[in-house]
Amino acid sequence: MRGMMREKMMLIDTSICMACRGCQVACKDWHQLPAEDTEFEGTYQNPPDMSDKTLTVVKFTEAEGSRPFKYMEWLFFKDQCRHCKGMHGAPCQKACPVRGAIVAEAGGAIVITDACDSTKCNIDCVDACPYNIPKINGGKAKKCDFCFDRIEGSKSPICAKTCPPGAITFGNAGSVQAAANDRLAKVRAEYPNANIYPNGHGHGGCGGETRVIWLLIDDSSAYGIPSGEHGGMGH
């Protein structure tokens, strides 16, 4: 990792997110990514998933709410790389056989570099990721880079800078973890199933296994997102 910068963390609060998708647009602009041709599939979610051209996407799920009257809830989830931690690196980093293809950068960002060449491997990073994040196109794997170039300049990732309702908090890991647990205690008064994902392990606090965490208003299974446990879905 470059320099001695303190480890950073991001909290995405789904109880505040209004699915404006400003984060998607800002990400494309900052990374100079092209638009995608898509077709209407009966959902407001667009595009349908992340790709080499879309590094973050807001996912829309309609589910029965956890509040007393059990009416339907819109569940919004800004999907992106979790920037996993680990004794010897993130799962994708440990699995990659190409030297220097996946590295740790400023703030702990896990970054796929230009050294990536999927012709030299069996797309090991894709198989190793418990969250189905890296996407392959043109021989290269692509994913969110945590805007490490902005972090190096003491700035927040562009999605956090842009978010209109302030649903994205970014800063030093300890402060963000504390803010997540404080916010969770408040949100549970209205949403009893609220939890911290993916580090909450049920309804607990932050476990510190990823640098990007979410406050969900229901279990991860309601959002249809991987739990991160051996690549399985939430339960």
Protein backbone atom coordinates (compact mmCIF):
# COMPACT_ATOMS: atom_id res chain seq x y z
CA MET A 1 0.00 0.00 0.00
CA ARG A 2 1.34 3.44 -0.90
CA GLY A 3 2.43 5.61 2.00
CA MET A 4 1.23 5.35 5.60
CA MET A 5 -2.32 6.65 5.12
CA ARG A 6 -4.80 5.46 7.70
CA GLU A 7 -7.27 2.84 6.57
CA LYS A 8 -10.49 4.26 5.19
CA MET A 9 -14.05 2.95 5.26
CA MET A 10 -17.35 3.76 3.57
CA LEU A 11 -20.85 3.40 5.02
CA ILE A 12 -23.85 3.31 2.68
CA ASP A 13 -27.07 3.90 4.61
CA THR A 14 -29.96 2.34 2.68
CA SER A 15 -32.48 3.91 5.07
CA ILE A 16 -31.48 7.30 3.62
CA CYS A 17 -30.80 6.35 -0.02
CA MET A 18 -33.52 7.62 -2.37
CA ALA A 19 -32.21 5.79 -5.47
CA CYS A 20 -31.48 8.99 -7.37
CA ARG A 21 -28.46 7.22 -8.94
CA GLY A 22 -26.33 10.33 -8.72
CA CYS A 23 -23.55 8.00 -7.55
CA GLN A 24 -23.77 6.00 -10.80
CA VAL A 25 -23.55 9.11 -12.95
CA ALA A 26 -20.69 10.63 -10.93
CA CYS A 27 -18.74 7.37 -11.05
CA LYS A 28 -19.04 7.16 -14.83
CA ASP A 29 -17.97 10.78 -15.18
CA TRP A 30 -14.94 10.50 -12.87
CA HIS A 31 -13.71 7.28 -14.50
CA GLN A 32 -14.63 8.45 -18.02
CA LEU A 33 -16.75 5.37 -18.68
CA PRO A 34 -19.04 5.12 -21.71
CA ALA A 35 -22.82 4.76 -21.61
CA GLU A 36 -24.45 1.35 -22.03
CA ASP A 37 -27.28 0.38 -24.37
CA THR A 38 -29.99 -1.26 -22.29
CA GLU A 39 -33.57 -2.45 -22.73
CA PHE A 40 -36.49 -1.96 -20.36
CA GLU A 41 -36.96 -5.12 -18.29
CA GLY A 42 -39.87 -4.06 -16.11
CA THR A 43 -37.78 -2.45 -13.38
CA TYR A 44 -36.47 1.00 -12.56
CA GLN A 45 -33.03 -0.60 -12.10
CA ASN A 46 -30.77 0.37 -14.98
CA PRO A 47 -28.41 -1.01 -16.07
CA PRO A 48 -29.30 -4.48 -14.75
CA ASP A 49 -25.89 -5.07 -13.16
CA MET A 50 -22.34 -3.82 -12.88
CA SER A 51 -20.02 -4.18 -15.86
CA ASP A 52 -16.72 -2.88 -17.19
CA LYS A 53 -18.65 0.29 -18.08
CA THR A 54 -20.64 0.60 -14.84
CA LEU A 55 -18.63 0.13 -11.64
CA THR A 56 -21.53 0.79 -9.27
CA VAL A 57 -25.27 0.31 -9.77
CA VAL A 58 -28.25 1.03 -7.54
CA LYS A 59 -30.36 -2.10 -7.31
CA PHE A 60 -34.14 -1.96 -6.78
CA THR A 61 -36.01 -4.68 -4.90
CA GLU A 62 -39.64 -4.67 -3.78
CA ALA A 63 -40.20 -6.78 -0.67
CA GLU A 64 -42.60 -7.20 2.20
CA GLY A 65 -41.50 -4.76 4.89
CA SER A 66 -40.36 -5.73 8.37
CA ARG A 67 -42.39 -3.01 10.07
CA PRO A 68 -45.60 -3.94 11.99
CA PHE A 69 -48.08 -3.45 9.12
CA LYS A 70 -45.98 -5.53 6.68
CA TYR A 71 -46.64 -3.34 3.66
CA MET A 72 -44.31 -3.41 0.66
CA GLU A 73 -40.98 -1.62 0.88
CA TRP A 74 -38.68 -0.37 -1.85
CA LEU A 75 -35.23 -1.67 -0.96
CA PHE A 76 -32.41 0.29 -2.60
CA PHE A 77 -28.87 -1.10 -2.65
CA LYS A 78 -25.84 0.63 -4.15
CA ASP A 79 -23.85 -2.39 -5.30
CA GLN A 80 -20.07 -2.12 -5.69
CA CYS A 81 -16.81 -3.74 -4.63
CA ARG A 82 -16.60 -4.27 -0.86
CA HIS A 83 -12.80 -3.79 -0.79
CA CYS A 84 -12.27 -6.81 1.43
CA LYS A 85 -9.62 -7.04 4.10
CA GLY A 86 -7.57 -10.10 4.95
CA MET A 87 -4.36 -11.25 6.56
CA HIS A 88 -2.80 -11.82 3.12
CA GLY A 89 -5.06 -9.62 1.03
CA ALA A 90 -8.60 -9.67 -0.35
CA PRO A 91 -9.92 -12.98 -1.80
CA CYS A 92 -9.53 -11.73 -5.38
CA GLN A 93 -6.02 -10.51 -4.61
CA LYS A 94 -4.96 -13.82 -3.07
CA ALA A 95 -6.42 -15.81 -5.96
CA CYS A 96 -4.83 -13.78 -8.77
CA PRO A 97 -1.76 -15.52 -10.26
CA VAL A 98 -0.57 -12.46 -12.23
CA ARG A 99 1.97 -10.49 -10.24
CA GLY A 100 0.91 -6.87 -9.65
CA ALA A 101 -2.52 -7.30 -11.25
CA ILE A 102 -4.45 -6.67 -8.01
CA VAL A 103 -2.86 -4.40 -5.42
CA ALA A 104 -3.73 -2.40 -2.30
CA GLU A 105 -3.65 1.36 -2.78
CA ALA A 106 -4.39 4.47 -0.71
CA GLY A 107 -6.73 3.92 2.21
CA GLY A 108 -6.81 0.16 1.65
CA ALA A 109 -8.44 0.29 -1.80
CA ILE A 110 -8.17 -3.03 -3.65
CA VAL A 111 -7.35 -2.07 -7.24
CA ILE A 112 -7.10 -4.07 -10.47
CA THR A 113 -4.18 -2.64 -12.46
CA ASP A 114 -3.22 -2.62 -16.13
CA ALA A 115 -1.15 -5.75 -15.42
CA CYS A 116 -4.40 -7.75 -15.38
CA ASP A 117 -4.56 -10.20 -18.29
CA SER A 118 -7.30 -12.81 -18.15
CA THR A 119 -5.53 -14.85 -20.84
CA LYS A 120 -2.88 -15.67 -18.21
CA CYS A 121 -5.33 -17.12 -15.70
CA ASN A 122 -8.68 -18.82 -15.26
CA ILE A 123 -10.39 -15.57 -14.17
CA ASP A 124 -9.52 -16.60 -10.63
CA CYS A 125 -10.59 -13.23 -9.17
CA VAL A 126 -14.16 -13.76 -10.38
CA ASP A 127 -14.35 -17.25 -8.85
CA ALA A 128 -12.78 -16.11 -5.59
CA CYS A 129 -15.00 -13.08 -4.98
CA PRO A 130 -17.81 -13.92 -2.52
CA TYR A 131 -19.85 -10.96 -3.80
CA ASN A 132 -19.75 -11.56 -7.58
CA ILE A 133 -18.06 -8.23 -8.26
CA PRO A 134 -15.24 -8.34 -10.90
CA LYS A 135 -16.47 -8.26 -14.49
CA ILE A 136 -14.38 -9.41 -17.47
CA ASN A 137 -14.31 -7.65 -20.83
CA GLY A 138 -11.58 -7.35 -23.43
CA GLY A 139 -9.24 -9.55 -21.44
CA LYS A 140 -9.31 -7.32 -18.35
CA ALA A 141 -11.19 -7.58 -15.05
CA LYS A 142 -12.94 -4.39 -13.93
CA LYS A 143 -14.45 -3.19 -10.66
CA CYS A 144 -14.77 -0.17 -8.37
CA ASP A 145 -11.33 1.18 -7.38
CA PHE A 146 -12.58 3.12 -4.32
CA CYS A 147 -11.44 6.29 -6.13
CA PHE A 148 -7.99 5.69 -4.66
CA ASP A 149 -6.63 8.58 -6.73
CA ARG A 150 -9.01 10.92 -4.90
CA ILE A 151 -8.14 9.36 -1.53
CA GLU A 152 -4.46 10.04 -2.25
CA GLY A 153 -5.42 13.69 -2.62
CA SER A 154 -7.31 13.63 0.72
CA LYS A 155 -10.70 13.64 -1.03
CA SER A 156 -13.69 11.34 -0.65
CA PRO A 157 -14.66 8.86 -3.38
CA ILE A 158 -16.76 10.66 -5.97
CA CYS A 159 -19.96 8.76 -5.05
CA ALA A 160 -19.69 9.91 -1.42
CA LYS A 161 -18.96 13.47 -2.53
CA THR A 162 -21.98 13.48 -4.86
CA CYS A 163 -24.74 11.69 -2.88
CA PRO A 164 -27.59 14.27 -2.53
CA PRO A 165 -29.27 12.87 0.63
CA GLY A 166 -25.95 12.15 2.36
CA ALA A 167 -26.47 8.39 2.44
CA ILE A 168 -22.74 7.72 1.96
CA THR A 169 -20.28 8.38 4.80
CA PHE A 170 -16.53 8.14 4.17
CA GLY A 171 -13.60 8.57 6.52
CA ASN A 172 -11.18 6.83 8.86
CA ALA A 173 -12.28 3.26 9.59
CA GLY A 174 -12.81 3.62 13.33
CA SER A 175 -14.97 6.71 12.98
CA VAL A 176 -17.13 5.19 10.24
CA GLN A 177 -17.63 1.96 12.17
CA ALA A 178 -18.73 3.95 15.22
CA ALA A 179 -21.10 6.05 13.11
CA ALA A 180 -22.58 2.87 11.60
CA ASN A 181 -23.33 1.35 14.99
CA ASP A 182 -24.82 4.61 16.29
CA ARG A 183 -27.04 4.91 13.23
CA LEU A 184 -28.08 1.25 13.47
CA ALA A 185 -29.35 1.74 17.03
CA LYS A 186 -31.58 4.58 15.83
CA VAL A 187 -32.88 2.89 12.68
CA ARG A 188 -33.90 -0.28 14.54
CA ALA A 189 -36.64 1.67 16.31
CA GLU A 190 -38.47 1.73 12.96
CA TYR A 191 -36.90 -1.28 11.20
CA PRO A 192 -36.33 -4.11 13.74
CA ASN A 193 -34.46 -6.26 11.19
CA ALA A 194 -31.94 -3.53 10.38
CA ASN A 195 -28.34 -4.72 10.34
CA ILE A 196 -24.82 -3.87 9.22
CA TYR A 197 -23.83 -5.72 6.05
CA PRO A 198 -21.67 -7.61 5.32
CA ASN A 199 -19.86 -7.33 8.65
CA GLY A 200 -22.85 -7.56 10.94
CA HIS A 201 -23.25 -11.36 10.94
CA GLY A 202 -26.98 -11.16 11.56
CA HIS A 203 -28.00 -8.21 13.69
CA GLY A 204 -24.69 -7.35 15.35
CA GLY A 205 -22.34 -4.44 14.82
CA CYS A 206 -19.44 -3.94 12.43
CA GLY A 207 -17.05 -6.86 12.14
CA GLY A 208 -14.33 -5.05 10.19
CA GLU A 209 -13.98 -7.57 7.32
CA THR A 210 -14.64 -5.13 4.47
CA ARG A 211 -13.91 -1.47 3.89
CA VAL A 212 -17.36 -0.81 2.44
CA ILE A 213 -20.33 -1.55 4.69
CA TRP A 214 -24.07 -0.97 4.39
CA LEU A 215 -26.83 -0.28 6.85
CA LEU A 216 -29.69 -2.44 5.58
CA ILE A 217 -33.27 -2.05 6.80
CA ASP A 218 -33.87 -5.80 6.35
CA ASP A 219 -31.88 -9.02 5.99
CA SER A 220 -29.56 -9.29 2.99
CA SER A 221 -31.79 -12.05 1.59
CA ALA A 222 -34.61 -9.49 1.16
CA TYR A 223 -32.27 -7.46 -1.07
CA GLY A 224 -31.22 -10.52 -3.05
CA ILE A 225 -27.54 -9.88 -2.43
CA PRO A 226 -24.75 -12.35 -1.50
CA SER A 227 -24.19 -12.75 2.22
CA GLY A 228 -20.45 -13.11 1.61
CA GLU A 229 -20.37 -16.43 3.42
CA HIS A 230 -18.76 -18.83 0.94
CA GLY A 231 -20.38 -16.79 -1.83
CA GLY A 232 -23.90 -17.69 -0.64
CA MET A 233 -27.00 -15.55 -0.55
CA GLY A 234 -28.19 -13.83 2.59
CA HIS A 235 -30.15 -15.85 5.11
